[in-house]
Structure formats: C-alpha cells, structure tokens
Amino acid sequence: MSPARGLARTFDTKRGREKISVAAVAGVDLDVAEGEIVGFLGPNESLAAH
C-alpha cells in the first residue's frame, strides 16, 4: 500500500489584472493498493489520473 498525505493542487489565474492562485484540492489523503488506479473527476468532468 502506498500512502499519500496532504495532497494539494493549485492553479494560477487572473482576476482583472491581478494574478491569483486558486486551490482546486487541498488536504487530500489517499491509501492506494498495488494494482489500483486512482483518478479525480472534477465538476467539469475533466479527469486527472495517476
């Protein structure tokens, strides 16, 4: 089993002329067993699999 703790993903974007970072995911903990495939399906149905 492979543990992953405190996973986070941020994206840089603009609000007017101001550049900001937006947290898409923060503080996610996973335990992944050998042979398992893990993916995240976002609200716009985009998939991030690793």
N, C-alpha and C. Protein backbone atom coordinates (compact mmCIF):
# COMPACT_ATOMS: atom_id res chain seq x y z
N MET A 1 0.85 -1.17 0.00
CA MET A 1 0.00 0.00 0.00
C MET A 1 0.89 1.23 0.00
N SER A 2 0.50 2.21 -0.81
CA SER A 2 1.24 3.47 -0.89
C SER A 2 0.38 4.60 -0.33
N PRO A 3 0.79 5.16 0.80
CA PRO A 3 0.03 6.29 1.34
C PRO A 3 0.47 7.61 0.71
N ALA A 4 -0.48 8.49 0.53
CA ALA A 4 -0.20 9.85 0.07
C ALA A 4 -0.99 10.77 0.99
N ARG A 5 -0.32 11.72 1.60
CA ARG A 5 -0.95 12.57 2.61
C ARG A 5 -0.81 14.05 2.25
N GLY A 6 -1.87 14.79 2.51
CA GLY A 6 -1.84 16.24 2.34
C GLY A 6 -1.69 16.71 0.90
N LEU A 7 -2.26 15.95 -0.05
CA LEU A 7 -2.14 16.33 -1.45
C LEU A 7 -2.89 17.63 -1.73
N ALA A 8 -2.33 18.43 -2.61
CA ALA A 8 -2.93 19.72 -2.97
C ALA A 8 -2.61 20.04 -4.42
N ARG A 9 -3.53 20.81 -5.04
CA ARG A 9 -3.31 21.27 -6.41
C ARG A 9 -3.86 22.68 -6.52
N THR A 10 -3.03 23.59 -7.01
CA THR A 10 -3.46 24.96 -7.21
C THR A 10 -3.28 25.36 -8.68
N PHE A 11 -4.05 26.34 -9.10
CA PHE A 11 -3.96 26.86 -10.45
C PHE A 11 -3.80 28.37 -10.38
N ASP A 12 -2.96 28.91 -11.25
CA ASP A 12 -2.81 30.36 -11.35
C ASP A 12 -3.80 30.90 -12.37
N THR A 13 -4.45 31.99 -12.03
CA THR A 13 -5.41 32.63 -12.92
C THR A 13 -5.36 34.14 -12.70
N LYS A 14 -6.16 34.86 -13.42
CA LYS A 14 -6.19 36.31 -13.26
C LYS A 14 -7.57 36.76 -12.85
N ARG A 15 -7.60 37.76 -11.99
CA ARG A 15 -8.83 38.46 -11.63
C ARG A 15 -8.59 39.90 -12.04
N GLY A 16 -9.11 40.25 -13.20
CA GLY A 16 -8.74 41.55 -13.78
C GLY A 16 -7.28 41.51 -14.16
N ARG A 17 -6.51 42.43 -13.61
CA ARG A 17 -5.06 42.44 -13.87
C ARG A 17 -4.28 41.73 -12.78
N GLU A 18 -4.97 41.37 -11.71
CA GLU A 18 -4.32 40.71 -10.57
C GLU A 18 -4.17 39.21 -10.82
N LYS A 19 -2.97 38.68 -10.60
CA LYS A 19 -2.73 37.25 -10.74
C LYS A 19 -2.94 36.60 -9.38
N ILE A 20 -3.78 35.55 -9.34
CA ILE A 20 -4.08 34.87 -8.08
C ILE A 20 -3.91 33.36 -8.23
N SER A 21 -3.74 32.67 -7.12
CA SER A 21 -3.71 31.21 -7.09
C SER A 21 -5.01 30.71 -6.49
N VAL A 22 -5.60 29.69 -7.13
CA VAL A 22 -6.84 29.10 -6.67
C VAL A 22 -6.56 27.66 -6.29
N ALA A 23 -6.96 27.28 -5.07
CA ALA A 23 -6.77 25.90 -4.61
C ALA A 23 -7.92 25.05 -5.13
N ALA A 24 -7.61 24.09 -6.01
CA ALA A 24 -8.62 23.18 -6.54
C ALA A 24 -8.85 22.02 -5.57
N VAL A 25 -7.78 21.55 -4.95
CA VAL A 25 -7.83 20.44 -3.99
C VAL A 25 -6.82 20.76 -2.90
N ALA A 26 -7.20 20.50 -1.66
CA ALA A 26 -6.26 20.73 -0.54
C ALA A 26 -6.51 19.72 0.56
N GLY A 27 -5.44 19.15 1.09
CA GLY A 27 -5.53 18.27 2.25
C GLY A 27 -6.13 16.91 1.98
N VAL A 28 -5.90 16.34 0.80
CA VAL A 28 -6.46 15.03 0.46
C VAL A 28 -5.48 13.94 0.89
N ASP A 29 -5.98 12.92 1.58
CA ASP A 29 -5.19 11.77 2.00
C ASP A 29 -5.71 10.52 1.27
N LEU A 30 -4.79 9.73 0.70
CA LEU A 30 -5.16 8.51 -0.01
C LEU A 30 -4.29 7.35 0.41
N ASP A 31 -4.86 6.16 0.40
CA ASP A 31 -4.12 4.91 0.51
C ASP A 31 -4.42 4.12 -0.75
N VAL A 32 -3.40 3.86 -1.56
CA VAL A 32 -3.57 3.19 -2.84
C VAL A 32 -2.88 1.84 -2.78
N ALA A 33 -3.67 0.78 -3.02
CA ALA A 33 -3.12 -0.57 -3.01
C ALA A 33 -2.45 -0.87 -4.35
N GLU A 34 -1.52 -1.84 -4.34
CA GLU A 34 -0.83 -2.24 -5.55
C GLU A 34 -1.86 -2.68 -6.60
N GLY A 35 -1.72 -2.16 -7.83
CA GLY A 35 -2.62 -2.51 -8.92
C GLY A 35 -3.85 -1.62 -9.03
N GLU A 36 -4.10 -0.78 -8.04
CA GLU A 36 -5.24 0.12 -8.11
C GLU A 36 -4.94 1.31 -9.02
N ILE A 37 -5.95 1.83 -9.65
CA ILE A 37 -5.85 3.05 -10.45
C ILE A 37 -6.71 4.10 -9.78
N VAL A 38 -6.15 5.29 -9.57
CA VAL A 38 -6.85 6.36 -8.87
C VAL A 38 -6.99 7.55 -9.80
N GLY A 39 -8.16 8.14 -9.82
CA GLY A 39 -8.40 9.33 -10.64
C GLY A 39 -9.35 10.27 -9.93
N PHE A 40 -9.29 11.53 -10.30
CA PHE A 40 -10.20 12.55 -9.78
C PHE A 40 -11.04 13.06 -10.93
N LEU A 41 -12.35 13.09 -10.74
CA LEU A 41 -13.24 13.65 -11.74
C LEU A 41 -13.75 14.97 -11.20
N GLY A 42 -13.42 16.04 -11.90
CA GLY A 42 -13.79 17.38 -11.45
C GLY A 42 -15.19 17.75 -11.86
N PRO A 43 -15.66 18.93 -11.42
CA PRO A 43 -17.03 19.37 -11.72
C PRO A 43 -17.28 19.59 -13.22
N ASN A 44 -16.23 19.83 -13.98
CA ASN A 44 -16.40 19.98 -15.43
C ASN A 44 -16.10 18.67 -16.16
N GLU A 45 -16.07 17.58 -15.40
CA GLU A 45 -15.86 16.22 -15.88
C GLU A 45 -14.48 16.01 -16.50
N SER A 46 -13.50 16.79 -16.09
CA SER A 46 -12.13 16.55 -16.51
C SER A 46 -11.53 15.52 -15.55
N LEU A 47 -10.63 14.71 -16.05
CA LEU A 47 -10.06 13.63 -15.26
C LEU A 47 -8.57 13.81 -15.09
N ALA A 48 -8.10 13.67 -13.86
CA ALA A 48 -6.67 13.65 -13.57
C ALA A 48 -6.36 12.29 -12.97
N ALA A 49 -5.68 11.45 -13.69
CA ALA A 49 -5.38 10.10 -13.21
C ALA A 49 -3.87 9.92 -13.11
N HIS A 50 -3.46 9.24 -12.05
CA HIS A 50 -2.04 8.97 -11.84
C HIS A 50 -1.89 7.58 -11.26
